[in-house]
PDB file of N, CA and C in Angstrom:
ATOM      1  N   MET A   1       8.536 -26.898  28.758  1.00  0.00           N
ATOM      2  CA  MET A   1       7.144 -26.502  28.607  1.00  0.00           C
ATOM      3  C   MET A   1       6.316 -27.785  28.576  1.00  0.00           C
ATOM      4  N   SER A   2       5.249 -27.784  29.318  1.00  0.00           N
ATOM      5  CA  SER A   2       4.415 -28.980  29.389  1.00  0.00           C
ATOM      6  C   SER A   2       3.547 -29.107  28.138  1.00  0.00           C
ATOM      7  N   LEU A   3       3.033 -30.299  27.926  1.00  0.00           N
ATOM      8  CA  LEU A   3       2.227 -30.565  26.732  1.00  0.00           C
ATOM      9  C   LEU A   3       0.937 -29.748  26.695  1.00  0.00           C
ATOM     10  N   PRO A   4       0.191 -29.623  27.824  1.00  0.00           N
ATOM     11  CA  PRO A   4      -1.026 -28.791  27.755  1.00  0.00           C
ATOM     12  C   PRO A   4      -0.730 -27.323  27.429  1.00  0.00           C
ATOM     13  N   ALA A   5       0.358 -26.792  27.949  1.00  0.00           N
ATOM     14  CA  ALA A   5       0.694 -25.395  27.658  1.00  0.00           C
ATOM     15  C   ALA A   5       1.043 -25.222  26.178  1.00  0.00           C
ATOM     16  N   ALA A   6       1.794 -26.166  25.647  1.00  0.00           N
ATOM     17  CA  ALA A   6       2.140 -26.109  24.230  1.00  0.00           C
ATOM     18  C   ALA A   6       0.893 -26.260  23.368  1.00  0.00           C
ATOM     19  N   SER A   7      -0.014 -27.112  23.806  1.00  0.00           N
ATOM     20  CA  SER A   7      -1.255 -27.308  23.065  1.00  0.00           C
ATOM     21  C   SER A   7      -2.090 -26.028  23.049  1.00  0.00           C
ATOM     22  N   ARG A   8      -2.134 -25.332  24.193  1.00  0.00           N
ATOM     23  CA  ARG A   8      -2.869 -24.065  24.266  1.00  0.00           C
ATOM     24  C   ARG A   8      -2.252 -23.024  23.341  1.00  0.00           C
ATOM     25  N   LEU A   9      -0.917 -22.969  23.312  1.00  0.00           N
ATOM     26  CA  LEU A   9      -0.243 -22.021  22.420  1.00  0.00           C
ATOM     27  C   LEU A   9      -0.559 -22.317  20.962  1.00  0.00           C
ATOM     28  N   LEU A  10      -0.536 -23.586  20.615  1.00  0.00           N
ATOM     29  CA  LEU A  10      -0.818 -23.973  19.237  1.00  0.00           C
ATOM     30  C   LEU A  10      -2.263 -23.665  18.863  1.00  0.00           C
ATOM     31  N   ARG A  11      -3.198 -23.956  19.772  1.00  0.00           N
ATOM     32  CA  ARG A  11      -4.614 -23.674  19.485  1.00  0.00           C
ATOM     33  C   ARG A  11      -4.858 -22.182  19.330  1.00  0.00           C
ATOM     34  N   SER A  12      -4.220 -21.357  20.175  1.00  0.00           N
ATOM     35  CA  SER A  12      -4.437 -19.911  20.073  1.00  0.00           C
ATOM     36  C   SER A  12      -3.826 -19.357  18.785  1.00  0.00           C
ATOM     37  N   ALA A  13      -2.731 -19.961  18.331  1.00  0.00           N
ATOM     38  CA  ALA A  13      -2.117 -19.502  17.085  1.00  0.00           C
ATOM     39  C   ALA A  13      -2.960 -19.888  15.876  1.00  0.00           C
ATOM     40  N   LEU A  14      -3.614 -21.043  15.951  1.00  0.00           N
ATOM     41  CA  LEU A  14      -4.401 -21.517  14.818  1.00  0.00           C
ATOM     42  C   LEU A  14      -5.819 -20.964  14.796  1.00  0.00           C
ATOM     43  N   ARG A  15      -6.248 -20.382  15.895  1.00  0.00           N
ATOM     44  CA  ARG A  15      -7.594 -19.821  15.969  1.00  0.00           C
ATOM     45  C   ARG A  15      -7.732 -18.688  14.961  1.00  0.00           C
ATOM     46  N   THR A  16      -8.872 -18.591  14.312  1.00  0.00           N
ATOM     47  CA  THR A  16      -9.068 -17.555  13.291  1.00  0.00           C
ATOM     48  C   THR A  16      -9.025 -16.179  13.937  1.00  0.00           C
ATOM     49  N   GLN A  17      -8.347 -15.270  13.259  1.00  0.00           N
ATOM     50  CA  GLN A  17      -8.214 -13.909  13.752  1.00  0.00           C
ATOM     51  C   GLN A  17      -9.399 -13.079  13.261  1.00  0.00           C
ATOM     52  N   LEU A  18      -9.927 -12.251  14.134  1.00  0.00           N
ATOM     53  CA  LEU A  18     -11.021 -11.367  13.760  1.00  0.00           C
ATOM     54  C   LEU A  18     -10.451 -10.129  13.082  1.00  0.00           C
ATOM     55  N   VAL A  19     -11.021  -9.753  11.971  1.00  0.00           N
ATOM     56  CA  VAL A  19     -10.578  -8.582  11.225  1.00  0.00           C
ATOM     57  C   VAL A  19     -11.536  -7.441  11.554  1.00  0.00           C
ATOM     58  N   PRO A  20     -11.014  -6.281  11.942  1.00  0.00           N
ATOM     59  CA  PRO A  20     -11.912  -5.170  12.257  1.00  0.00           C
ATOM     60  C   PRO A  20     -12.672  -4.711  11.007  1.00  0.00           C
ATOM     61  N   VAL A  21     -13.886  -4.286  11.221  1.00  0.00           N
ATOM     62  CA  VAL A  21     -14.743  -3.843  10.125  1.00  0.00           C
ATOM     63  C   VAL A  21     -14.358  -2.413   9.745  1.00  0.00           C
ATOM     64  N   ALA A  22     -14.269  -2.142   8.467  1.00  0.00           N
ATOM     65  CA  ALA A  22     -13.911  -0.811   7.989  1.00  0.00           C
ATOM     66  C   ALA A  22     -15.072   0.155   8.204  1.00  0.00           C
ATOM     67  N   ASN A  23     -14.732   1.399   8.444  1.00  0.00           N
ATOM     68  CA  ASN A  23     -15.747   2.437   8.594  1.00  0.00           C
ATOM     69  C   ASN A  23     -16.136   2.931   7.206  1.00  0.00           C
ATOM     70  N   VAL A  24     -17.288   2.522   6.737  1.00  0.00           N
ATOM     71  CA  VAL A  24     -17.754   2.908   5.414  1.00  0.00           C
ATOM     72  C   VAL A  24     -18.852   3.953   5.585  1.00  0.00           C
ATOM     73  N   ALA A  25     -18.681   5.084   4.926  1.00  0.00           N
ATOM     74  CA  ALA A  25     -19.663   6.156   5.023  1.00  0.00           C
ATOM     75  C   ALA A  25     -20.588   6.095   3.809  1.00  0.00           C
ATOM     76  N   SER A  26     -21.860   6.262   4.051  1.00  0.00           N
ATOM     77  CA  SER A  26     -22.823   6.250   2.955  1.00  0.00           C
ATOM     78  C   SER A  26     -23.334   7.647   2.642  1.00  0.00           C
ATOM     79  N   LYS A  27     -22.660   8.644   3.180  1.00  0.00           N
ATOM     80  CA  LYS A  27     -23.062  10.031   2.947  1.00  0.00           C
ATOM     81  C   LYS A  27     -22.191  10.637   1.848  1.00  0.00           C
ATOM     82  N   PRO A  28     -22.641  11.732   1.261  1.00  0.00           N
ATOM     83  CA  PRO A  28     -21.791  12.431   0.282  1.00  0.00           C
ATOM     84  C   PRO A  28     -20.552  13.008   0.966  1.00  0.00           C
ATOM     85  N   ALA A  29     -19.545  13.316   0.180  1.00  0.00           N
ATOM     86  CA  ALA A  29     -18.313  13.872   0.724  1.00  0.00           C
ATOM     87  C   ALA A  29     -18.574  15.212   1.399  1.00  0.00           C
ATOM     88  N   LYS A  30     -17.830  15.485   2.469  1.00  0.00           N
ATOM     89  CA  LYS A  30     -17.995  16.757   3.179  1.00  0.00           C
ATOM     90  C   LYS A  30     -17.381  17.908   2.396  1.00  0.00           C
ATOM     91  N   HIS A  31     -16.266  17.645   1.705  1.00  0.00           N
ATOM     92  CA  HIS A  31     -15.576  18.684   0.948  1.00  0.00           C
ATOM     93  C   HIS A  31     -15.499  18.257  -0.518  1.00  0.00           C
ATOM     94  N   ASN A  32     -16.033  19.075  -1.395  1.00  0.00           N
ATOM     95  CA  ASN A  32     -15.945  18.787  -2.826  1.00  0.00           C
ATOM     96  C   ASN A  32     -14.572  19.189  -3.335  1.00  0.00           C
ATOM     97  N   ILE A  33     -13.971  18.345  -4.151  1.00  0.00           N
ATOM     98  CA  ILE A  33     -12.659  18.615  -4.725  1.00  0.00           C
ATOM     99  C   ILE A  33     -12.875  19.068  -6.166  1.00  0.00           C
ATOM    100  N   THR A  34     -12.272  20.202  -6.505  1.00  0.00           N
ATOM    101  CA  THR A  34     -12.464  20.744  -7.845  1.00  0.00           C
ATOM    102  C   THR A  34     -11.685  19.921  -8.864  1.00  0.00           C
ATOM    103  N   VAL A  35     -12.008  20.149 -10.139  1.00  0.00           N
ATOM    104  CA  VAL A  35     -11.341  19.442 -11.227  1.00  0.00           C
ATOM    105  C   VAL A  35      -9.855  19.792 -11.256  1.00  0.00           C
ATOM    106  N   GLY A  36      -9.529  21.036 -10.980  1.00  0.00           N
ATOM    107  CA  GLY A  36      -8.127  21.462 -10.955  1.00  0.00           C
ATOM    108  C   GLY A  36      -7.335  20.749  -9.869  1.00  0.00           C
ATOM    109  N   GLU A  37      -7.934  20.632  -8.683  1.00  0.00           N
ATOM    110  CA  GLU A  37      -7.269  19.918  -7.586  1.00  0.00           C
ATOM    111  C   GLU A  37      -7.082  18.442  -7.925  1.00  0.00           C
ATOM    112  N   GLN A  38      -8.070  17.860  -8.581  1.00  0.00           N
ATOM    113  CA  GLN A  38      -7.943  16.460  -8.992  1.00  0.00           C
ATOM    114  C   GLN A  38      -6.833  16.291 -10.018  1.00  0.00           C
ATOM    115  N   ALA A  39      -6.743  17.230 -10.960  1.00  0.00           N
ATOM    116  CA  ALA A  39      -5.709  17.147 -11.989  1.00  0.00           C
ATOM    117  C   ALA A  39      -4.321  17.288 -11.374  1.00  0.00           C
ATOM    118  N   ILE A  40      -4.172  18.198 -10.421  1.00  0.00           N
ATOM    119  CA  ILE A  40      -2.879  18.369  -9.753  1.00  0.00           C
ATOM    120  C   ILE A  40      -2.522  17.112  -8.969  1.00  0.00           C
ATOM    121  N   ALA A  41      -3.474  16.556  -8.247  1.00  0.00           N
ATOM    122  CA  ALA A  41      -3.217  15.353  -7.458  1.00  0.00           C
ATOM    123  C   ALA A  41      -2.826  14.179  -8.354  1.00  0.00           C
ATOM    124  N   MET A  42      -3.523  14.007  -9.458  1.00  0.00           N
ATOM    125  CA  MET A  42      -3.193  12.908 -10.372  1.00  0.00           C
ATOM    126  C   MET A  42      -1.821  13.108 -11.012  1.00  0.00           C
ATOM    127  N   SER A  43      -1.475  14.362 -11.334  1.00  0.00           N
ATOM    128  CA  SER A  43      -0.160  14.648 -11.912  1.00  0.00           C
ATOM    129  C   SER A  43       0.951  14.344 -10.917  1.00  0.00           C
ATOM    130  N   VAL A  44       0.753  14.729  -9.673  1.00  0.00           N
ATOM    131  CA  VAL A  44       1.760  14.459  -8.647  1.00  0.00           C
ATOM    132  C   VAL A  44       1.919  12.956  -8.447  1.00  0.00           C
ATOM    133  N   MET A  45       0.818  12.218  -8.409  1.00  0.00           N
ATOM    134  CA  MET A  45       0.893  10.764  -8.258  1.00  0.00           C
ATOM    135  C   MET A  45       1.610  10.139  -9.458  1.00  0.00           C
ATOM    136  N   PHE A  46       1.302  10.609 -10.649  1.00  0.00           N
ATOM    137  CA  PHE A  46       1.924  10.095 -11.873  1.00  0.00           C
ATOM    138  C   PHE A  46       3.430  10.298 -11.836  1.00  0.00           C
ATOM    139  N   VAL A  47       3.864  11.510 -11.514  1.00  0.00           N
ATOM    140  CA  VAL A  47       5.290  11.820 -11.488  1.00  0.00           C
ATOM    141  C   VAL A  47       5.989  11.060 -10.364  1.00  0.00           C
ATOM    142  N   THR A  48       5.338  10.949  -9.216  1.00  0.00           N
ATOM    143  CA  THR A  48       5.944  10.269  -8.069  1.00  0.00           C
ATOM    144  C   THR A  48       6.166   8.794  -8.343  1.00  0.00           C
ATOM    145  N   ILE A  49       5.231   8.155  -9.002  1.00  0.00           N
ATOM    146  CA  ILE A  49       5.335   6.710  -9.231  1.00  0.00           C
ATOM    147  C   ILE A  49       6.141   6.407 -10.492  1.00  0.00           C
ATOM    148  N   LEU A  50       5.853   7.090 -11.586  1.00  0.00           N
ATOM    149  CA  LEU A  50       6.479   6.747 -12.853  1.00  0.00           C
ATOM    150  C   LEU A  50       7.774   7.498 -13.135  1.00  0.00           C
ATOM    151  N   GLY A  51       8.021   8.588 -12.455  1.00  0.00           N
ATOM    152  CA  GLY A  51       9.245   9.351 -12.678  1.00  0.00           C
ATOM    153  C   GLY A  51      10.514   8.550 -12.402  1.00  0.00           C
ATOM    154  N   PRO A  52      10.678   7.992 -11.207  1.00  0.00           N
ATOM    155  CA  PRO A  52      11.885   7.201 -10.940  1.00  0.00           C
ATOM    156  C   PRO A  52      12.021   5.986 -11.858  1.00  0.00           C
ATOM    157  N   SER A  53      10.915   5.341 -12.170  1.00  0.00           N
ATOM    158  CA  SER A  53      10.970   4.186 -13.072  1.00  0.00           C
ATOM    159  C   SER A  53      11.440   4.608 -14.455  1.00  0.00           C
ATOM    160  N   GLY A  54      10.932   5.700 -14.951  1.00  0.00           N
ATOM    161  CA  GLY A  54      11.354   6.203 -16.259  1.00  0.00           C
ATOM    162  C   GLY A  54      12.818   6.599 -16.269  1.00  0.00           C
ATOM    163  N   TRP A  55      13.288   7.198 -15.178  1.00  0.00           N
ATOM    164  CA  TRP A  55      14.698   7.579 -15.077  1.00  0.00           C
ATOM    165  C   TRP A  55      15.590   6.343 -15.168  1.00  0.00           C
ATOM    166  N   ILE A  56      15.252   5.314 -14.415  1.00  0.00           N
ATOM    167  CA  ILE A  56      16.052   4.090 -14.412  1.00  0.00           C
ATOM    168  C   ILE A  56      16.028   3.441 -15.792  1.00  0.00           C
ATOM    169  N   LEU A  57      14.854   3.358 -16.408  1.00  0.00           N
ATOM    170  CA  LEU A  57      14.773   2.731 -17.725  1.00  0.00           C
ATOM    171  C   LEU A  57      15.514   3.534 -18.786  1.00  0.00           C
ATOM    172  N   SER A  58      15.492   4.843 -18.702  1.00  0.00           N
ATOM    173  CA  SER A  58      16.185   5.646 -19.711  1.00  0.00           C
ATOM    174  C   SER A  58      17.700   5.597 -19.531  1.00  0.00           C
ATOM    175  N   HIS A  59      18.184   5.282 -18.335  1.00  0.00           N
ATOM    176  CA  HIS A  59      19.621   5.201 -18.080  1.00  0.00           C
ATOM    177  C   HIS A  59      20.094   3.755 -17.907  1.00  0.00           C
ATOM    178  N   LEU A  60      19.332   2.815 -18.381  1.00  0.00           N
ATOM    179  CA  LEU A  60      19.659   1.405 -18.200  1.00  0.00           C
ATOM    180  C   LEU A  60      20.983   1.046 -18.875  1.00  0.00           C
ATOM    181  N   GLU A  61      21.229   1.576 -20.045  1.00  0.00           N
ATOM    182  CA  GLU A  61      22.485   1.284 -20.750  1.00  0.00           C
ATOM    183  C   GLU A  61      23.684   1.825 -19.978  1.00  0.00           C
ATOM    184  N   ASP A  62      23.530   2.979 -19.349  1.00  0.00           N
ATOM    185  CA  ASP A  62      24.620   3.542 -18.534  1.00  0.00           C
ATOM    186  C   ASP A  62      24.923   2.625 -17.348  1.00  0.00           C
ATOM    187  N   TYR A  63      23.875   2.086 -16.726  1.00  0.00           N
ATOM    188  CA  TYR A  63      24.078   1.191 -15.587  1.00  0.00           C
ATOM    189  C   TYR A  63      24.742  -0.115 -16.013  1.00  0.00           C
ATOM    190  N   LYS A  64      24.421  -0.570 -17.224  1.00  0.00           N
ATOM    191  CA  LYS A  64      25.036  -1.804 -17.720  1.00  0.00           C
ATOM    192  C   LYS A  64      26.529  -1.601 -17.995  1.00  0.00           C
ATOM    193  N   LYS A  65      26.915  -0.410 -18.473  1.00  0.00           N
ATOM    194  CA  LYS A  65      28.301  -0.130 -18.808  1.00  0.00           C
ATOM    195  C   LYS A  65      29.183  -0.004 -17.572  1.00  0.00           C
ATOM    196  N   LYS A  66      28.621   0.360 -16.434  1.00  0.00           N
ATOM    197  CA  LYS A  66      29.412   0.570 -15.216  1.00  0.00           C
ATOM    198  C   LYS A  66      29.981  -0.749 -14.694  1.00  0.00           C
ATOM    199  N   GLN A  67      29.374  -1.856 -14.981  1.00  0.00           N
ATOM    200  CA  GLN A  67      29.835  -3.122 -14.423  1.00  0.00           C
ATOM    201  C   GLN A  67      30.767  -3.850 -15.313  1.00  0.00           C
TER     202      GLN A  67
END
């Protein structure tokens, strides 16, 4: 590979990358979510994230004994 070609590759790699602009809406939501739906969604998120962690922590002594 010649020096100018390598230089072009290096310059293109170091050139700042443009980040696309996020689509931000300034209007109210199209669909209102009820309090019950919010509570169900938060409960599902809570169980999904903290459930496996709690299982592992509660059985930590069992995992230590296996080795």
